[in-house]
Every structure is written in C-alpha cells, then in structure tokens.
Amino acid sequence: MSDTPAAPETRAKKPRARKSERPATLRLRLAKSGIATPVDQKATIRALGFRRVGEVVEREDTPSLRGRIRKIRHLVEILVEGDGSRAKS
C-alpha cells in the first residue's frame, strides 16, 4: 500500500475590487510653515512635494499618502476638487 500525498485543494480566489478608470487624487495645500517642526515632519513635507507655504500639490490617493497627511495634518489642508475650498478632515 503506497499512499501518495493528495494534492492540496485549490481555493477559489476572491474577486478583487474594481479600480476606477481614473485614479482618485487629492489636492493638498501647505497651510502652515514647517520651520519649528521636528525633522521627521519636515521630511514628510518635502516627500509630499511641498516647497513653499501656500503651495498646492495634487497626489494620487493611496494609504501611504493618507499616512503622510495624518503625520502633518496640523500643517496641511485637503482641498475640494473644482472650487478650491477647504474640505473637513
């Protein structure tokens, strides 16, 4: 009696969430200066692409971007698409 190992059952993959045709973007504005902030927050400001206070950048909405925004949320504003007004965050 030679028992051959049974092939493991293959599970059906879960369907992935559909990505929208156009990736979601966020418009961010640096509202306050980063002069008196810790070095890691200054690095985050630069990583988001800010160079000056009042500058507006547009970035693709990803979890890593949300984490960066959370780190410096007291310095940035998220702008609503179109009219340039502030969004509540």
N, C-alpha and C. Protein backbone atom coordinates (compact mmCIF):
# COMPACT_ATOMS: atom_id res chain seq x y z
N MET A 1 0.83 -1.18 0.00
CA MET A 1 0.00 0.00 0.00
C MET A 1 0.87 1.24 0.00
N SER A 2 0.90 1.87 -1.09
CA SER A 2 1.67 3.11 -1.15
C SER A 2 0.69 4.27 -1.22
N ASP A 3 0.72 5.06 -0.21
CA ASP A 3 -0.16 6.23 -0.16
C ASP A 3 0.57 7.41 -0.80
N THR A 4 0.00 7.92 -1.84
CA THR A 4 0.58 9.11 -2.45
C THR A 4 -0.07 10.32 -1.82
N PRO A 5 0.70 11.34 -1.61
CA PRO A 5 0.11 12.53 -0.98
C PRO A 5 -0.94 13.14 -1.90
N ALA A 6 -2.04 13.50 -1.31
CA ALA A 6 -3.15 14.10 -2.07
C ALA A 6 -2.79 15.53 -2.43
N ALA A 7 -3.22 15.94 -3.57
CA ALA A 7 -2.99 17.32 -4.00
C ALA A 7 -3.81 18.25 -3.11
N PRO A 8 -3.21 19.36 -2.67
CA PRO A 8 -3.97 20.28 -1.82
C PRO A 8 -5.12 20.90 -2.61
N GLU A 9 -6.19 21.14 -1.91
CA GLU A 9 -7.35 21.73 -2.55
C GLU A 9 -7.04 23.17 -2.94
N THR A 10 -7.46 23.53 -4.10
CA THR A 10 -7.27 24.91 -4.52
C THR A 10 -8.52 25.70 -4.18
N ARG A 11 -8.29 26.83 -3.57
CA ARG A 11 -9.41 27.69 -3.20
C ARG A 11 -9.70 28.66 -4.32
N ALA A 12 -10.94 28.98 -4.44
CA ALA A 12 -11.32 29.99 -5.42
C ALA A 12 -10.87 31.35 -4.90
N LYS A 13 -10.24 32.12 -5.77
CA LYS A 13 -9.75 33.43 -5.37
C LYS A 13 -10.92 34.39 -5.21
N LYS A 14 -10.77 35.29 -4.25
CA LYS A 14 -11.77 36.31 -4.05
C LYS A 14 -11.67 37.32 -5.19
N PRO A 15 -12.78 37.80 -5.68
CA PRO A 15 -12.70 38.81 -6.74
C PRO A 15 -12.14 40.11 -6.16
N ARG A 16 -11.26 40.72 -6.92
CA ARG A 16 -10.68 41.99 -6.47
C ARG A 16 -11.65 43.13 -6.71
N ALA A 17 -11.52 44.12 -5.89
CA ALA A 17 -12.35 45.32 -6.08
C ALA A 17 -11.92 46.00 -7.37
N ARG A 18 -12.87 46.45 -8.13
CA ARG A 18 -12.56 47.10 -9.40
C ARG A 18 -11.95 48.46 -9.15
N LYS A 19 -10.89 48.72 -9.88
CA LYS A 19 -10.28 50.04 -9.80
C LYS A 19 -11.03 50.96 -10.75
N SER A 20 -11.19 52.16 -10.32
CA SER A 20 -11.88 53.11 -11.19
C SER A 20 -10.98 53.41 -12.39
N GLU A 21 -11.58 53.88 -13.44
CA GLU A 21 -10.82 54.17 -14.65
C GLU A 21 -9.78 55.25 -14.41
N ARG A 22 -10.14 56.23 -13.63
CA ARG A 22 -9.22 57.31 -13.32
C ARG A 22 -8.87 57.22 -11.83
N PRO A 23 -7.59 57.20 -11.48
CA PRO A 23 -7.25 57.09 -10.06
C PRO A 23 -7.69 58.33 -9.29
N ALA A 24 -8.13 58.12 -8.07
CA ALA A 24 -8.57 59.24 -7.24
C ALA A 24 -7.36 60.07 -6.84
N THR A 25 -7.52 61.36 -6.86
CA THR A 25 -6.43 62.25 -6.49
C THR A 25 -6.90 63.19 -5.38
N LEU A 26 -5.93 63.68 -4.64
CA LEU A 26 -6.20 64.65 -3.59
C LEU A 26 -5.40 65.91 -3.89
N ARG A 27 -6.02 67.05 -3.70
CA ARG A 27 -5.31 68.32 -3.81
C ARG A 27 -5.00 68.77 -2.39
N LEU A 28 -3.73 69.02 -2.12
CA LEU A 28 -3.27 69.40 -0.79
C LEU A 28 -2.64 70.78 -0.83
N ARG A 29 -2.83 71.54 0.24
CA ARG A 29 -2.20 72.86 0.35
C ARG A 29 -1.45 72.93 1.66
N LEU A 30 -0.21 73.39 1.60
CA LEU A 30 0.58 73.58 2.82
C LEU A 30 0.12 74.89 3.45
N ALA A 31 -0.61 74.80 4.55
CA ALA A 31 -1.24 75.97 5.16
C ALA A 31 -0.34 76.67 6.17
N LYS A 32 0.55 75.91 6.80
CA LYS A 32 1.43 76.49 7.82
C LYS A 32 2.87 76.10 7.55
N SER A 33 3.76 76.88 8.06
CA SER A 33 5.18 76.64 7.86
C SER A 33 5.66 75.45 8.68
N GLY A 34 6.67 74.78 8.19
CA GLY A 34 7.25 73.65 8.90
C GLY A 34 8.55 74.00 9.60
N ILE A 35 8.80 75.30 9.83
CA ILE A 35 10.08 75.75 10.40
C ILE A 35 10.32 75.17 11.79
N ALA A 36 9.35 75.28 12.68
CA ALA A 36 9.56 74.85 14.06
C ALA A 36 9.03 73.45 14.31
N THR A 37 9.05 72.60 13.29
CA THR A 37 8.55 71.23 13.43
C THR A 37 9.73 70.26 13.52
N PRO A 38 9.51 69.06 14.05
CA PRO A 38 10.58 68.07 14.11
C PRO A 38 11.09 67.68 12.72
N VAL A 39 12.29 67.15 12.68
CA VAL A 39 12.96 66.81 11.42
C VAL A 39 12.14 65.82 10.61
N ASP A 40 11.51 64.84 11.26
CA ASP A 40 10.73 63.85 10.51
C ASP A 40 9.52 64.49 9.83
N GLN A 41 8.92 65.50 10.45
CA GLN A 41 7.79 66.18 9.82
C GLN A 41 8.26 67.04 8.65
N LYS A 42 9.43 67.64 8.78
CA LYS A 42 9.99 68.40 7.66
C LYS A 42 10.25 67.48 6.47
N ALA A 43 10.75 66.28 6.76
CA ALA A 43 10.99 65.31 5.69
C ALA A 43 9.68 64.89 5.02
N THR A 44 8.63 64.76 5.80
CA THR A 44 7.32 64.40 5.25
C THR A 44 6.79 65.51 4.35
N ILE A 45 6.98 66.75 4.75
CA ILE A 45 6.56 67.89 3.93
C ILE A 45 7.25 67.84 2.58
N ARG A 46 8.55 67.59 2.59
CA ARG A 46 9.31 67.51 1.35
C ARG A 46 8.90 66.29 0.52
N ALA A 47 8.61 65.17 1.19
CA ALA A 47 8.22 63.95 0.48
C ALA A 47 6.88 64.13 -0.24
N LEU A 48 6.03 64.97 0.29
CA LEU A 48 4.75 65.25 -0.38
C LEU A 48 4.92 66.22 -1.54
N GLY A 49 6.09 66.83 -1.65
CA GLY A 49 6.36 67.71 -2.78
C GLY A 49 6.18 69.18 -2.49
N PHE A 50 6.01 69.54 -1.24
CA PHE A 50 5.84 70.95 -0.89
C PHE A 50 7.20 71.64 -0.82
N ARG A 51 7.23 72.88 -1.30
CA ARG A 51 8.44 73.70 -1.20
C ARG A 51 8.14 75.01 -0.48
N ARG A 52 6.91 75.50 -0.62
CA ARG A 52 6.55 76.79 -0.03
C ARG A 52 5.19 76.71 0.66
N VAL A 53 5.01 77.61 1.62
CA VAL A 53 3.72 77.73 2.29
C VAL A 53 2.71 78.26 1.27
N GLY A 54 1.54 77.66 1.24
CA GLY A 54 0.50 78.07 0.30
C GLY A 54 0.54 77.31 -1.01
N GLU A 55 1.56 76.50 -1.23
CA GLU A 55 1.67 75.74 -2.46
C GLU A 55 0.63 74.62 -2.48
N VAL A 56 0.07 74.35 -3.66
CA VAL A 56 -0.92 73.29 -3.84
C VAL A 56 -0.30 72.19 -4.68
N VAL A 57 -0.40 70.95 -4.18
CA VAL A 57 0.07 69.79 -4.94
C VAL A 57 -1.08 68.81 -5.11
N GLU A 58 -1.01 68.03 -6.16
CA GLU A 58 -2.03 67.02 -6.43
C GLU A 58 -1.35 65.67 -6.41
N ARG A 59 -1.85 64.76 -5.57
CA ARG A 59 -1.25 63.43 -5.42
C ARG A 59 -2.32 62.37 -5.53
N GLU A 60 -1.91 61.18 -5.98
CA GLU A 60 -2.82 60.04 -6.07
C GLU A 60 -3.17 59.58 -4.66
N ASP A 61 -4.43 59.30 -4.44
CA ASP A 61 -4.93 58.91 -3.12
C ASP A 61 -4.58 57.45 -2.84
N THR A 62 -3.62 57.24 -1.93
CA THR A 62 -3.20 55.90 -1.53
C THR A 62 -3.14 55.85 -0.01
N PRO A 63 -3.11 54.65 0.57
CA PRO A 63 -2.98 54.55 2.02
C PRO A 63 -1.69 55.17 2.55
N SER A 64 -0.60 55.05 1.80
CA SER A 64 0.66 55.65 2.26
C SER A 64 0.58 57.17 2.25
N LEU A 65 -0.11 57.74 1.26
CA LEU A 65 -0.29 59.18 1.22
C LEU A 65 -1.14 59.63 2.41
N ARG A 66 -2.20 58.88 2.70
CA ARG A 66 -3.06 59.22 3.85
C ARG A 66 -2.25 59.21 5.15
N GLY A 67 -1.31 58.28 5.27
CA GLY A 67 -0.46 58.23 6.46
C GLY A 67 0.44 59.45 6.57
N ARG A 68 0.99 59.88 5.44
CA ARG A 68 1.83 61.08 5.44
C ARG A 68 1.01 62.31 5.81
N ILE A 69 -0.19 62.40 5.27
CA ILE A 69 -1.06 63.53 5.59
C ILE A 69 -1.39 63.53 7.07
N ARG A 70 -1.65 62.35 7.61
CA ARG A 70 -2.00 62.25 9.03
C ARG A 70 -0.86 62.74 9.91
N LYS A 71 0.37 62.49 9.48
CA LYS A 71 1.52 62.89 10.27
C LYS A 71 1.65 64.41 10.37
N ILE A 72 1.28 65.11 9.31
CA ILE A 72 1.40 66.57 9.31
C ILE A 72 0.04 67.24 9.11
N ARG A 73 -1.00 66.63 9.65
CA ARG A 73 -2.36 67.13 9.44
C ARG A 73 -2.58 68.53 10.00
N HIS A 74 -1.74 68.94 10.95
CA HIS A 74 -1.88 70.28 11.51
C HIS A 74 -1.24 71.35 10.61
N LEU A 75 -0.56 70.92 9.53
CA LEU A 75 0.11 71.85 8.64
C LEU A 75 -0.52 71.91 7.24
N VAL A 76 -1.33 70.93 6.88
CA VAL A 76 -1.88 70.87 5.52
C VAL A 76 -3.40 70.95 5.53
N GLU A 77 -3.95 71.31 4.36
CA GLU A 77 -5.39 71.30 4.15
C GLU A 77 -5.67 70.47 2.91
N ILE A 78 -6.76 69.71 2.94
CA ILE A 78 -7.20 68.97 1.77
C ILE A 78 -8.24 69.83 1.07
N LEU A 79 -8.01 70.11 -0.21
CA LEU A 79 -8.90 70.99 -0.96
C LEU A 79 -9.92 70.16 -1.71
N VAL A 80 -11.13 70.70 -1.84
CA VAL A 80 -12.19 70.06 -2.60
C VAL A 80 -11.92 70.31 -4.08
N GLU A 81 -12.16 69.31 -4.91
CA GLU A 81 -11.96 69.46 -6.35
C GLU A 81 -12.86 70.56 -6.89
N GLY A 82 -12.33 71.35 -7.79
CA GLY A 82 -13.15 72.32 -8.50
C GLY A 82 -13.06 73.73 -7.95
N ASP A 83 -13.67 73.97 -6.80
CA ASP A 83 -13.78 75.36 -6.33
C ASP A 83 -12.62 75.81 -5.45
N GLY A 84 -11.74 74.93 -5.01
CA GLY A 84 -10.59 75.31 -4.22
C GLY A 84 -10.90 75.59 -2.76
N SER A 85 -12.10 75.26 -2.30
CA SER A 85 -12.43 75.47 -0.89
C SER A 85 -11.92 74.32 -0.04
N ARG A 86 -11.88 74.56 1.25
CA ARG A 86 -11.38 73.54 2.17
C ARG A 86 -12.37 72.43 2.39
N ALA A 87 -11.83 71.23 2.59
CA ALA A 87 -12.68 70.09 2.96
C ALA A 87 -12.48 69.83 4.44
N LYS A 88 -13.51 69.37 5.10
CA LYS A 88 -13.36 69.00 6.50
C LYS A 88 -12.61 67.69 6.57
N SER A 89 -11.55 67.66 7.38
CA SER A 89 -10.77 66.43 7.51
C SER A 89 -10.54 66.08 8.96
